[in-house]
Amino acid sequence: MIHLDRQIDTERLMLRLPSREHFESSAAMWSDPEVTRFIGGRPFTREETWARLLRYIGHWQLLDYGYWVVLERESGRYIGEVGFADYHHDFGALSNGAPEAGWALLPSVHGKGYATEAVRAATRWADRRWPNNRTICLIDPENALSLRVAAKCGYVPLQQVTHRGMESMVCERVVG
């Protein structure tokens, strides 16, 4: 079943629900050390990427939101993932049940504005879905590219935390 309210099209991108057909592309992306340098610090195994795909699909099934795969509109090529999750992080008032935004794109498309375009599309979707919403994101303080994307999309740094042994900046976006 295709849920039109779960698909997003932008000028250059298509955001689609993840499915088994995206696994190989996702596994290739998550095995790239450049992609994971600021997300866990090491490439993910195929098993870990499979668990990630299942988690994405489970979010949509259980919570009616989650991550999308990002496809280039012109070519249909997989270029990354963007969306929201509930990871039950325990950051007290910093998280407070807010959906957590996240994004990862192939290094070959960095610098083209795709991340900003995808995150803006996802946050507009969230704004329609959850009026008066608050979302957060966790970003490695050394990840200048993601911090710039977050700022362009309305996220404001709140506080640095230690998460899984790594420093992360909790950023917040409030609408309404």
C-alpha atoms as a PDB file:
ATOM      1  CA  MET A   1       0.000   0.000   0.000  1.00  0.00           C
ATOM      2  CA  ILE A   2       1.340   3.453  -0.937  1.00  0.00           C
ATOM      3  CA  HIS A   3       0.669   6.194   1.604  1.00  0.00           C
ATOM      4  CA  LEU A   4       0.837   9.462  -0.295  1.00  0.00           C
ATOM      5  CA  ASP A   5       1.125  11.440   2.930  1.00  0.00           C
ATOM      6  CA  ARG A   6       4.328   9.505   3.626  1.00  0.00           C
ATOM      7  CA  GLN A   7       6.005  10.442   0.343  1.00  0.00           C
ATOM      8  CA  ILE A   8       7.714  13.760  -0.201  1.00  0.00           C
ATOM      9  CA  ASP A   9       8.867  15.278  -3.470  1.00  0.00           C
ATOM     10  CA  THR A  10      11.087  18.323  -3.710  1.00  0.00           C
ATOM     11  CA  GLU A  11      12.580  20.068  -6.691  1.00  0.00           C
ATOM     12  CA  ARG A  12      15.482  17.602  -6.881  1.00  0.00           C
ATOM     13  CA  LEU A  13      14.644  14.796  -4.465  1.00  0.00           C
ATOM     14  CA  MET A  14      12.131  12.078  -3.681  1.00  0.00           C
ATOM     15  CA  LEU A  15      11.736  10.889  -0.105  1.00  0.00           C
ATOM     16  CA  ARG A  16      10.240   7.409   0.014  1.00  0.00           C
ATOM     17  CA  LEU A  17       9.503   4.849   2.688  1.00  0.00           C
ATOM     18  CA  PRO A  18      12.400   2.450   3.173  1.00  0.00           C
ATOM     19  CA  SER A  19      12.007  -1.077   1.875  1.00  0.00           C
ATOM     20  CA  ARG A  20      14.023  -4.203   1.309  1.00  0.00           C
ATOM     21  CA  GLU A  21      14.986  -2.965  -2.156  1.00  0.00           C
ATOM     22  CA  HIS A  22      17.013  -0.154  -0.545  1.00  0.00           C
ATOM     23  CA  PHE A  23      19.105  -2.459   1.639  1.00  0.00           C
ATOM     24  CA  GLU A  24      22.128  -2.883  -0.646  1.00  0.00           C
ATOM     25  CA  SER A  25      22.426   0.858  -1.246  1.00  0.00           C
ATOM     26  CA  SER A  26      21.991   1.569   2.444  1.00  0.00           C
ATOM     27  CA  ALA A  27      24.567  -1.078   3.395  1.00  0.00           C
ATOM     28  CA  ALA A  28      27.058   0.450   0.969  1.00  0.00           C
ATOM     29  CA  MET A  29      26.507   3.931   2.425  1.00  0.00           C
ATOM     30  CA  TRP A  30      26.744   2.842   6.069  1.00  0.00           C
ATOM     31  CA  SER A  31      29.935   0.851   5.379  1.00  0.00           C
ATOM     32  CA  ASP A  32      31.688   4.046   4.211  1.00  0.00           C
ATOM     33  CA  PRO A  33      34.035   5.398   6.919  1.00  0.00           C
ATOM     34  CA  GLU A  34      33.409   8.955   5.723  1.00  0.00           C
ATOM     35  CA  VAL A  35      29.661   8.561   6.359  1.00  0.00           C
ATOM     36  CA  THR A  36      30.102   7.056   9.821  1.00  0.00           C
ATOM     37  CA  ARG A  37      33.021   9.208  10.996  1.00  0.00           C
ATOM     38  CA  PHE A  38      30.639  11.355  13.069  1.00  0.00           C
ATOM     39  CA  ILE A  39      27.926   8.701  13.525  1.00  0.00           C
ATOM     40  CA  GLY A  40      29.299   5.980  15.733  1.00  0.00           C
ATOM     41  CA  GLY A  41      32.873   6.461  14.554  1.00  0.00           C
ATOM     42  CA  ARG A  42      33.153   3.232  12.566  1.00  0.00           C
ATOM     43  CA  PRO A  43      31.567   1.670   9.474  1.00  0.00           C
ATOM     44  CA  PHE A  44      28.456  -0.408  10.113  1.00  0.00           C
ATOM     45  CA  THR A  45      28.277  -4.091   9.278  1.00  0.00           C
ATOM     46  CA  ARG A  46      25.611  -5.460   6.964  1.00  0.00           C
ATOM     47  CA  GLU A  47      23.917  -6.923  10.043  1.00  0.00           C
ATOM     48  CA  GLU A  48      23.814  -3.496  11.727  1.00  0.00           C
ATOM     49  CA  THR A  49      22.477  -1.886   8.570  1.00  0.00           C
ATOM     50  CA  TRP A  50      19.802  -4.573   8.283  1.00  0.00           C
ATOM     51  CA  ALA A  51      18.770  -3.835  11.896  1.00  0.00           C
ATOM     52  CA  ARG A  52      18.667  -0.120  11.008  1.00  0.00           C
ATOM     53  CA  LEU A  53      16.369  -0.815   8.041  1.00  0.00           C
ATOM     54  CA  LEU A  54      14.077  -2.913  10.248  1.00  0.00           C
ATOM     55  CA  ARG A  55      14.052  -0.117  12.846  1.00  0.00           C
ATOM     56  CA  TYR A  56      13.105   2.422  10.174  1.00  0.00           C
ATOM     57  CA  ILE A  57      10.232   0.268   8.934  1.00  0.00           C
ATOM     58  CA  GLY A  58       9.169  -0.450  12.519  1.00  0.00           C
ATOM     59  CA  HIS A  59       8.987   3.267  13.293  1.00  0.00           C
ATOM     60  CA  TRP A  60       6.521   3.768  10.446  1.00  0.00           C
ATOM     61  CA  GLN A  61       4.460   0.758  11.515  1.00  0.00           C
ATOM     62  CA  LEU A  62       4.362   1.595  15.215  1.00  0.00           C
ATOM     63  CA  LEU A  63       4.566   5.401  15.344  1.00  0.00           C
ATOM     64  CA  ASP A  64       3.415   6.511  11.875  1.00  0.00           C
ATOM     65  CA  TYR A  65       6.653   8.404  11.314  1.00  0.00           C
ATOM     66  CA  GLY A  66      10.243   7.453  10.674  1.00  0.00           C
ATOM     67  CA  TYR A  67      13.021   7.708   8.147  1.00  0.00           C
ATOM     68  CA  TRP A  68      12.782   8.007   4.405  1.00  0.00           C
ATOM     69  CA  VAL A  69      15.298   6.974   1.817  1.00  0.00           C
ATOM     70  CA  VAL A  70      16.393   9.937  -0.265  1.00  0.00           C
ATOM     71  CA  LEU A  71      16.438   9.427  -4.026  1.00  0.00           C
ATOM     72  CA  GLU A  72      17.683  11.807  -6.669  1.00  0.00           C
ATOM     73  CA  ARG A  73      14.600  12.848  -8.606  1.00  0.00           C
ATOM     74  CA  GLU A  74      16.229  12.940 -12.031  1.00  0.00           C
ATOM     75  CA  SER A  75      18.051   9.607 -11.844  1.00  0.00           C
ATOM     76  CA  GLY A  76      16.105   7.732  -9.140  1.00  0.00           C
ATOM     77  CA  ARG A  77      19.465   6.964  -7.525  1.00  0.00           C
ATOM     78  CA  TYR A  78      19.621   6.313  -3.770  1.00  0.00           C
ATOM     79  CA  ILE A  79      21.651   9.082  -2.104  1.00  0.00           C
ATOM     80  CA  GLY A  80      20.878   8.755   1.598  1.00  0.00           C
ATOM     81  CA  GLU A  81      18.400   8.723   4.439  1.00  0.00           C
ATOM     82  CA  VAL A  82      16.553  11.387   6.435  1.00  0.00           C
ATOM     83  CA  GLY A  83      13.764  11.370   8.966  1.00  0.00           C
ATOM     84  CA  PHE A  84      12.649  11.190  12.567  1.00  0.00           C
ATOM     85  CA  ALA A  85      12.908   8.534  15.236  1.00  0.00           C
ATOM     86  CA  ASP A  86      12.077   7.858  18.844  1.00  0.00           C
ATOM     87  CA  TYR A  87      15.213   6.260  20.269  1.00  0.00           C
ATOM     88  CA  HIS A  88      14.144   6.780  23.901  1.00  0.00           C
ATOM     89  CA  HIS A  89      17.339   8.686  24.668  1.00  0.00           C
ATOM     90  CA  ASP A  90      17.417   9.681  28.296  1.00  0.00           C
ATOM     91  CA  PHE A  91      18.569  13.282  28.158  1.00  0.00           C
ATOM     92  CA  GLY A  92      15.875  14.442  30.587  1.00  0.00           C
ATOM     93  CA  ALA A  93      14.289  17.740  29.604  1.00  0.00           C
ATOM     94  CA  LEU A  94      16.608  17.970  26.583  1.00  0.00           C
ATOM     95  CA  SER A  95      14.838  15.092  24.848  1.00  0.00           C
ATOM     96  CA  ASN A  96      11.531  14.902  26.710  1.00  0.00           C
ATOM     97  CA  GLY A  97       9.977  12.584  24.112  1.00  0.00           C
ATOM     98  CA  ALA A  98      10.678  14.852  21.139  1.00  0.00           C
ATOM     99  CA  PRO A  99      11.139  13.092  17.791  1.00  0.00           C
ATOM    100  CA  GLU A 100      14.808  13.059  16.848  1.00  0.00           C
ATOM    101  CA  ALA A 101      15.737  14.195  13.355  1.00  0.00           C
ATOM    102  CA  GLY A 102      18.647  12.611  11.563  1.00  0.00           C
ATOM    103  CA  TRP A 103      20.224  12.475   8.145  1.00  0.00           C
ATOM    104  CA  ALA A 104      23.072  10.820   6.296  1.00  0.00           C
ATOM    105  CA  LEU A 105      23.919  11.222   2.630  1.00  0.00           C
ATOM    106  CA  LEU A 106      26.514   9.719   0.339  1.00  0.00           C
ATOM    107  CA  PRO A 107      29.777  11.692   0.324  1.00  0.00           C
ATOM    108  CA  SER A 108      29.499  11.994  -3.475  1.00  0.00           C
ATOM    109  CA  VAL A 109      26.522  14.342  -3.062  1.00  0.00           C
ATOM    110  CA  HIS A 110      27.931  16.492  -0.261  1.00  0.00           C
ATOM    111  CA  GLY A 111      28.117  20.169  -1.120  1.00  0.00           C
ATOM    112  CA  LYS A 112      25.113  20.117  -3.475  1.00  0.00           C
ATOM    113  CA  GLY A 113      22.533  21.269  -0.923  1.00  0.00           C
ATOM    114  CA  TYR A 114      20.759  17.915  -0.934  1.00  0.00           C
ATOM    115  CA  ALA A 115      20.969  17.456   2.838  1.00  0.00           C
ATOM    116  CA  THR A 116      19.442  20.868   3.492  1.00  0.00           C
ATOM    117  CA  GLU A 117      16.736  20.233   0.885  1.00  0.00           C
ATOM    118  CA  ALA A 118      15.903  16.824   2.377  1.00  0.00           C
ATOM    119  CA  VAL A 119      15.898  18.006   6.003  1.00  0.00           C
ATOM    120  CA  ARG A 120      13.766  21.043   5.140  1.00  0.00           C
ATOM    121  CA  ALA A 121      11.279  18.779   3.354  1.00  0.00           C
ATOM    122  CA  ALA A 122      11.165  16.447   6.356  1.00  0.00           C
ATOM    123  CA  THR A 123      10.687  19.315   8.831  1.00  0.00           C
ATOM    124  CA  ARG A 124       7.899  20.806   6.700  1.00  0.00           C
ATOM    125  CA  TRP A 125       6.230  17.381   6.789  1.00  0.00           C
ATOM    126  CA  ALA A 126       6.650  17.348  10.589  1.00  0.00           C
ATOM    127  CA  ASP A 127       5.206  20.859  10.860  1.00  0.00           C
ATOM    128  CA  ARG A 128       2.033  19.716   9.089  1.00  0.00           C
ATOM    129  CA  ARG A 129       1.915  16.480  11.034  1.00  0.00           C
ATOM    130  CA  TRP A 130       2.585  17.883  14.494  1.00  0.00           C
ATOM    131  CA  PRO A 131       1.503  21.533  14.816  1.00  0.00           C
ATOM    132  CA  ASN A 132       3.314  23.253  17.670  1.00  0.00           C
ATOM    133  CA  ASN A 133       6.002  20.602  17.434  1.00  0.00           C
ATOM    134  CA  ARG A 134       9.456  20.284  18.893  1.00  0.00           C
ATOM    135  CA  THR A 135      12.117  18.084  17.377  1.00  0.00           C
ATOM    136  CA  ILE A 136      15.722  17.565  18.342  1.00  0.00           C
ATOM    137  CA  CYS A 137      18.830  16.254  16.658  1.00  0.00           C
ATOM    138  CA  LEU A 138      22.162  14.988  17.958  1.00  0.00           C
ATOM    139  CA  ILE A 139      25.253  16.103  16.093  1.00  0.00           C
ATOM    140  CA  ASP A 140      28.922  15.503  16.760  1.00  0.00           C
ATOM    141  CA  PRO A 141      30.314  18.964  17.616  1.00  0.00           C
ATOM    142  CA  GLU A 142      33.119  18.343  15.074  1.00  0.00           C
ATOM    143  CA  ASN A 143      30.632  17.727  12.243  1.00  0.00           C
ATOM    144  CA  ALA A 144      30.594  21.226  10.742  1.00  0.00           C
ATOM    145  CA  LEU A 145      28.572  20.152   7.674  1.00  0.00           C
ATOM    146  CA  SER A 146      25.684  18.729   9.712  1.00  0.00           C
ATOM    147  CA  LEU A 147      25.754  21.647  12.135  1.00  0.00           C
ATOM    148  CA  ARG A 148      25.343  23.990   9.134  1.00  0.00           C
ATOM    149  CA  VAL A 149      22.461  21.932   7.743  1.00  0.00           C
ATOM    150  CA  ALA A 150      20.797  21.926  11.160  1.00  0.00           C
ATOM    151  CA  ALA A 151      21.140  25.715  11.491  1.00  0.00           C
ATOM    152  CA  LYS A 152      19.740  26.301   7.982  1.00  0.00           C
ATOM    153  CA  CYS A 153      16.743  24.149   8.943  1.00  0.00           C
ATOM    154  CA  GLY A 154      16.003  26.003  12.176  1.00  0.00           C
ATOM    155  CA  TYR A 155      17.817  23.854  14.739  1.00  0.00           C
ATOM    156  CA  VAL A 156      19.483  25.715  17.591  1.00  0.00           C
ATOM    157  CA  PRO A 157      22.238  24.193  19.763  1.00  0.00           C
ATOM    158  CA  LEU A 158      21.080  23.542  23.330  1.00  0.00           C
ATOM    159  CA  GLN A 159      23.666  21.544  25.188  1.00  0.00           C
ATOM    160  CA  GLN A 160      26.517  19.136  24.695  1.00  0.00           C
ATOM    161  CA  VAL A 161      25.967  15.611  26.058  1.00  0.00           C
ATOM    162  CA  THR A 162      27.874  12.340  26.124  1.00  0.00           C
ATOM    163  CA  HIS A 163      26.054   9.646  24.192  1.00  0.00           C
ATOM    164  CA  ARG A 164      27.493   6.147  23.764  1.00  0.00           C
ATOM    165  CA  GLY A 165      30.855   7.475  24.857  1.00  0.00           C
ATOM    166  CA  MET A 166      30.920  10.247  22.250  1.00  0.00           C
ATOM    167  CA  GLU A 167      30.259  13.947  22.603  1.00  0.00           C
ATOM    168  CA  SER A 168      27.106  15.175  20.853  1.00  0.00           C
ATOM    169  CA  MET A 169      25.397  18.518  20.583  1.00  0.00           C
ATOM    170  CA  VAL A 170      21.661  18.385  21.236  1.00  0.00           C
ATOM    171  CA  CYS A 171      19.978  20.871  18.917  1.00  0.00           C
ATOM    172  CA  GLU A 172      16.311  21.850  19.041  1.00  0.00           C
ATOM    173  CA  ARG A 173      13.736  23.118  16.551  1.00  0.00           C
ATOM    174  CA  VAL A 174      10.466  24.478  17.903  1.00  0.00           C
ATOM    175  CA  VAL A 175       7.489  25.444  15.762  1.00  0.00           C
ATOM    176  CA  GLY A 176       4.333  27.146  16.936  1.00  0.00           C
END
